[in-house]
Amino acid sequence: MNGPIVIVGAGQAGLQIAESLRHEKYEGPITLLGAEAHGPYNRPPLSKQWLRERRSISTLHIRSPEAIQRRHIELQTGCEVSAIDRDVRLVRCADGRSFLRAAHHR
């Protein structure tokens, strides 16, 4: 199967799924949908020390947008999924964007 795959959730788990597919030689399109305005990032435990250090948010990114793109993974941020139509195999975002995913093969 080399049809499109849509992964809902652009956090650490979603990115790991996308990268694992590439590692296993999946060559089809992969789209990673995330409701947040930025790509996957580490979520540190909130502490006074962490707040005092005033680290840049970029230090929390798991992968840079360029690294994700080099793996041929399309990252769509700001996409809150509002509906999944299993019959049509369509994922819709609240902002009107929609994405087709591959047919399920057994």
N, C-alpha and C. Protein backbone atom coordinates (compact mmCIF):
# COMPACT_ATOMS: atom_id res chain seq x y z
N MET A 1 0.85 -1.17 0.00
CA MET A 1 0.00 0.00 0.00
C MET A 1 0.89 1.24 0.00
N ASN A 2 0.65 2.12 -0.94
CA ASN A 2 1.41 3.37 -1.02
C ASN A 2 0.49 4.57 -1.13
N GLY A 3 -0.79 4.41 -0.77
CA GLY A 3 -1.72 5.52 -0.79
C GLY A 3 -1.45 6.47 0.35
N PRO A 4 -2.16 7.58 0.39
CA PRO A 4 -1.92 8.58 1.43
C PRO A 4 -2.33 8.08 2.82
N ILE A 5 -1.56 8.50 3.82
CA ILE A 5 -1.87 8.22 5.21
C ILE A 5 -1.98 9.55 5.92
N VAL A 6 -3.05 9.72 6.70
CA VAL A 6 -3.26 10.92 7.50
C VAL A 6 -3.17 10.51 8.96
N ILE A 7 -2.31 11.19 9.70
CA ILE A 7 -2.13 10.92 11.13
C ILE A 7 -2.70 12.11 11.89
N VAL A 8 -3.70 11.86 12.73
CA VAL A 8 -4.32 12.91 13.52
C VAL A 8 -3.56 13.01 14.84
N GLY A 9 -2.94 14.16 15.04
CA GLY A 9 -2.14 14.39 16.24
C GLY A 9 -0.68 14.55 15.88
N ALA A 10 -0.17 15.77 16.00
CA ALA A 10 1.21 16.06 15.60
C ALA A 10 2.12 16.17 16.81
N GLY A 11 1.84 15.41 17.84
CA GLY A 11 2.71 15.38 19.01
C GLY A 11 3.81 14.35 18.82
N GLN A 12 4.43 13.99 19.91
CA GLN A 12 5.53 13.03 19.86
C GLN A 12 5.09 11.70 19.28
N ALA A 13 3.91 11.21 19.68
CA ALA A 13 3.44 9.91 19.19
C ALA A 13 3.14 9.96 17.69
N GLY A 14 2.46 11.00 17.24
CA GLY A 14 2.15 11.12 15.82
C GLY A 14 3.40 11.19 14.97
N LEU A 15 4.38 11.96 15.42
CA LEU A 15 5.65 12.06 14.69
C LEU A 15 6.35 10.71 14.67
N GLN A 16 6.33 9.99 15.78
CA GLN A 16 6.99 8.68 15.84
C GLN A 16 6.35 7.71 14.84
N ILE A 17 5.03 7.74 14.72
CA ILE A 17 4.34 6.88 13.75
C ILE A 17 4.80 7.23 12.34
N ALA A 18 4.81 8.52 12.02
CA ALA A 18 5.22 8.96 10.68
C ALA A 18 6.66 8.55 10.38
N GLU A 19 7.55 8.77 11.33
CA GLU A 19 8.96 8.41 11.12
C GLU A 19 9.14 6.90 11.04
N SER A 20 8.38 6.15 11.81
CA SER A 20 8.46 4.69 11.74
C SER A 20 8.01 4.18 10.39
N LEU A 21 6.97 4.77 9.84
CA LEU A 21 6.52 4.38 8.49
C LEU A 21 7.65 4.61 7.48
N ARG A 22 8.30 5.75 7.57
CA ARG A 22 9.42 6.03 6.65
C ARG A 22 10.57 5.04 6.89
N HIS A 23 10.85 4.75 8.14
CA HIS A 23 11.92 3.80 8.47
C HIS A 23 11.63 2.42 7.88
N GLU A 24 10.36 2.06 7.84
CA GLU A 24 9.95 0.76 7.29
C GLU A 24 9.74 0.82 5.78
N LYS A 25 10.23 1.88 5.15
CA LYS A 25 10.24 2.05 3.70
C LYS A 25 8.88 2.37 3.08
N TYR A 26 7.95 2.91 3.87
CA TYR A 26 6.68 3.35 3.31
C TYR A 26 6.96 4.57 2.45
N GLU A 27 6.54 4.55 1.19
CA GLU A 27 6.88 5.61 0.24
C GLU A 27 5.71 6.52 -0.10
N GLY A 28 4.51 6.20 0.35
CA GLY A 28 3.34 7.01 0.03
C GLY A 28 3.33 8.31 0.80
N PRO A 29 2.40 9.19 0.45
CA PRO A 29 2.28 10.47 1.15
C PRO A 29 1.85 10.28 2.61
N ILE A 30 2.47 11.04 3.50
CA ILE A 30 2.11 11.03 4.92
C ILE A 30 1.82 12.46 5.32
N THR A 31 0.64 12.68 5.89
CA THR A 31 0.26 14.00 6.38
C THR A 31 0.05 13.90 7.88
N LEU A 32 0.67 14.79 8.61
CA LEU A 32 0.60 14.85 10.07
C LEU A 32 -0.21 16.09 10.44
N LEU A 33 -1.38 15.90 11.07
CA LEU A 33 -2.27 17.01 11.41
C LEU A 33 -2.14 17.35 12.89
N GLY A 34 -1.94 18.63 13.18
CA GLY A 34 -1.84 19.07 14.56
C GLY A 34 -2.68 20.31 14.81
N ALA A 35 -3.38 20.33 15.92
CA ALA A 35 -4.24 21.47 16.26
C ALA A 35 -3.42 22.70 16.67
N GLU A 36 -2.23 22.47 17.20
CA GLU A 36 -1.40 23.59 17.66
C GLU A 36 -0.75 24.31 16.48
N ALA A 37 -0.26 25.50 16.75
CA ALA A 37 0.32 26.34 15.70
C ALA A 37 1.74 25.96 15.32
N HIS A 38 2.32 24.97 15.99
CA HIS A 38 3.71 24.59 15.73
C HIS A 38 3.81 23.08 15.68
N GLY A 39 4.97 22.62 15.25
CA GLY A 39 5.19 21.18 15.12
C GLY A 39 5.41 20.48 16.45
N PRO A 40 5.72 19.19 16.38
CA PRO A 40 5.91 18.38 17.59
C PRO A 40 7.01 18.95 18.49
N TYR A 41 6.73 18.96 19.79
CA TYR A 41 7.72 19.48 20.74
C TYR A 41 7.68 18.67 22.03
N ASN A 42 8.78 18.70 22.75
CA ASN A 42 8.85 18.05 24.06
C ASN A 42 8.07 18.89 25.04
N ARG A 43 7.29 18.24 25.87
CA ARG A 43 6.51 18.94 26.88
C ARG A 43 7.20 18.73 28.23
N PRO A 44 8.04 19.71 28.62
CA PRO A 44 8.79 19.54 29.87
C PRO A 44 7.87 19.69 31.08
N PRO A 45 8.23 19.08 32.18
CA PRO A 45 7.44 19.32 33.40
C PRO A 45 7.57 20.80 33.77
N LEU A 46 6.46 21.41 34.05
CA LEU A 46 6.49 22.82 34.39
C LEU A 46 7.05 23.01 35.80
N SER A 47 8.08 23.82 35.89
CA SER A 47 8.69 24.07 37.19
C SER A 47 9.16 25.52 37.24
N LYS A 48 9.38 26.00 38.42
CA LYS A 48 9.88 27.36 38.57
C LYS A 48 11.25 27.50 37.92
N GLN A 49 12.08 26.48 38.05
CA GLN A 49 13.41 26.53 37.44
C GLN A 49 13.30 26.66 35.93
N TRP A 50 12.43 25.85 35.33
CA TRP A 50 12.28 25.91 33.88
C TRP A 50 11.81 27.29 33.46
N LEU A 51 10.88 27.87 34.21
CA LEU A 51 10.39 29.21 33.90
C LEU A 51 11.48 30.27 34.08
N ARG A 52 12.32 30.13 35.10
CA ARG A 52 13.41 31.08 35.33
C ARG A 52 14.45 31.05 34.21
N GLU A 53 14.66 29.87 33.65
CA GLU A 53 15.68 29.73 32.61
C GLU A 53 15.27 30.43 31.32
N ARG A 54 13.99 30.67 31.14
CA ARG A 54 13.47 31.39 29.96
C ARG A 54 14.05 30.85 28.66
N ARG A 55 13.97 29.58 28.50
CA ARG A 55 14.47 28.95 27.28
C ARG A 55 13.58 29.33 26.09
N SER A 56 14.18 29.33 24.94
CA SER A 56 13.43 29.59 23.72
C SER A 56 12.55 28.38 23.42
N ILE A 57 11.36 28.65 22.94
CA ILE A 57 10.44 27.56 22.59
C ILE A 57 11.05 26.64 21.54
N SER A 58 11.93 27.17 20.70
CA SER A 58 12.56 26.36 19.66
C SER A 58 13.42 25.24 20.23
N THR A 59 13.90 25.41 21.48
CA THR A 59 14.70 24.35 22.08
C THR A 59 13.85 23.14 22.45
N LEU A 60 12.55 23.30 22.44
CA LEU A 60 11.65 22.20 22.78
C LEU A 60 11.24 21.36 21.58
N HIS A 61 11.46 21.85 20.37
CA HIS A 61 11.05 21.11 19.17
C HIS A 61 11.75 19.75 19.10
N ILE A 62 10.97 18.72 18.79
CA ILE A 62 11.53 17.38 18.63
C ILE A 62 12.29 17.31 17.31
N ARG A 63 11.71 17.85 16.26
CA ARG A 63 12.35 17.94 14.95
C ARG A 63 12.04 19.31 14.38
N SER A 64 12.98 19.87 13.67
CA SER A 64 12.73 21.14 13.00
C SER A 64 11.77 20.90 11.84
N PRO A 65 11.07 21.94 11.40
CA PRO A 65 10.20 21.77 10.23
C PRO A 65 10.97 21.24 9.01
N GLU A 66 12.22 21.65 8.88
CA GLU A 66 13.05 21.19 7.75
C GLU A 66 13.34 19.70 7.86
N ALA A 67 13.60 19.22 9.07
CA ALA A 67 13.87 17.78 9.26
C ALA A 67 12.64 16.95 8.95
N ILE A 68 11.48 17.44 9.32
CA ILE A 68 10.24 16.73 9.02
C ILE A 68 10.02 16.70 7.52
N GLN A 69 10.26 17.82 6.87
CA GLN A 69 10.09 17.91 5.42
C GLN A 69 11.08 17.00 4.68
N ARG A 70 12.31 16.90 5.17
CA ARG A 70 13.30 16.01 4.53
C ARG A 70 12.87 14.56 4.56
N ARG A 71 12.04 14.19 5.54
CA ARG A 71 11.52 12.82 5.63
C ARG A 71 10.26 12.65 4.78
N HIS A 72 9.93 13.69 4.02
CA HIS A 72 8.75 13.68 3.15
C HIS A 72 7.48 13.44 3.95
N ILE A 73 7.37 14.17 5.05
CA ILE A 73 6.18 14.16 5.89
C ILE A 73 5.59 15.57 5.81
N GLU A 74 4.33 15.66 5.42
CA GLU A 74 3.67 16.96 5.33
C GLU A 74 3.06 17.29 6.69
N LEU A 75 3.52 18.35 7.29
CA LEU A 75 3.02 18.79 8.59
C LEU A 75 2.01 19.91 8.39
N GLN A 76 0.79 19.70 8.85
CA GLN A 76 -0.27 20.70 8.78
C GLN A 76 -0.59 21.13 10.21
N THR A 77 -0.21 22.34 10.56
CA THR A 77 -0.46 22.85 11.92
C THR A 77 -1.73 23.70 11.92
N GLY A 78 -2.24 23.96 13.11
CA GLY A 78 -3.45 24.76 13.24
C GLY A 78 -4.67 24.07 12.66
N CYS A 79 -4.64 22.74 12.65
CA CYS A 79 -5.72 21.95 12.06
C CYS A 79 -6.40 21.13 13.15
N GLU A 80 -7.47 21.69 13.70
CA GLU A 80 -8.25 20.96 14.69
C GLU A 80 -9.22 20.06 13.93
N VAL A 81 -9.06 18.76 14.08
CA VAL A 81 -9.91 17.82 13.35
C VAL A 81 -11.33 17.91 13.90
N SER A 82 -12.28 18.13 12.99
CA SER A 82 -13.68 18.28 13.39
C SER A 82 -14.53 17.08 12.98
N ALA A 83 -14.06 16.31 11.99
CA ALA A 83 -14.84 15.16 11.55
C ALA A 83 -13.95 14.17 10.82
N ILE A 84 -14.28 12.91 11.00
CA ILE A 84 -13.63 11.83 10.25
C ILE A 84 -14.74 11.02 9.61
N ASP A 85 -14.76 10.97 8.29
CA ASP A 85 -15.75 10.20 7.55
C ASP A 85 -15.08 8.90 7.11
N ARG A 86 -15.34 7.83 7.82
CA ARG A 86 -14.68 6.56 7.54
C ARG A 86 -15.10 5.98 6.20
N ASP A 87 -16.35 6.18 5.80
CA ASP A 87 -16.82 5.62 4.53
C ASP A 87 -16.10 6.24 3.34
N VAL A 88 -15.95 7.54 3.38
CA VAL A 88 -15.29 8.27 2.29
C VAL A 88 -13.78 8.33 2.50
N ARG A 89 -13.33 8.02 3.73
CA ARG A 89 -11.93 8.08 4.13
C ARG A 89 -11.39 9.51 4.04
N LEU A 90 -12.14 10.39 4.69
CA LEU A 90 -11.84 11.82 4.66
C LEU A 90 -11.73 12.35 6.08
N VAL A 91 -10.70 13.18 6.31
CA VAL A 91 -10.53 13.85 7.59
C VAL A 91 -10.73 15.34 7.34
N ARG A 92 -11.63 15.95 8.14
CA ARG A 92 -11.93 17.37 7.97
C ARG A 92 -11.44 18.16 9.18
N CYS A 93 -10.92 19.35 8.90
CA CYS A 93 -10.48 20.26 9.96
C CYS A 93 -11.55 21.33 10.15
N ALA A 94 -11.56 21.92 11.34
CA ALA A 94 -12.54 22.96 11.67
C ALA A 94 -12.44 24.16 10.74
N ASP A 95 -11.25 24.41 10.18
CA ASP A 95 -11.07 25.57 9.30
C ASP A 95 -11.45 25.30 7.85
N GLY A 96 -11.97 24.09 7.56
CA GLY A 96 -12.43 23.77 6.21
C GLY A 96 -11.48 22.90 5.40
N ARG A 97 -10.23 22.78 5.84
CA ARG A 97 -9.31 21.89 5.11
C ARG A 97 -9.79 20.45 5.24
N SER A 98 -9.49 19.65 4.22
CA SER A 98 -9.81 18.22 4.30
C SER A 98 -8.70 17.42 3.66
N PHE A 99 -8.57 16.17 4.14
CA PHE A 99 -7.49 15.30 3.71
C PHE A 99 -8.03 13.90 3.49
N LEU A 100 -7.70 13.31 2.35
CA LEU A 100 -8.07 11.93 2.06
C LEU A 100 -7.00 11.01 2.60
N ARG A 101 -7.41 9.86 3.09
CA ARG A 101 -6.43 8.87 3.54
C ARG A 101 -6.61 7.62 2.71
N ALA A 102 -5.66 6.75 2.78
CA ALA A 102 -5.64 5.54 1.97
C ALA A 102 -6.77 4.60 2.36
N ALA A 103 -7.19 3.81 1.40
CA ALA A 103 -8.15 2.75 1.67
C ALA A 103 -7.52 1.72 2.57
N HIS A 104 -8.30 1.14 3.45
CA HIS A 104 -7.79 0.13 4.37
C HIS A 104 -7.78 -1.22 3.67
N HIS A 105 -6.65 -1.86 3.66
CA HIS A 105 -6.51 -3.18 3.03
C HIS A 105 -6.33 -4.22 4.10
N ARG A 106 -7.01 -5.34 3.94
CA ARG A 106 -6.87 -6.44 4.91
C ARG A 106 -6.21 -7.62 4.27
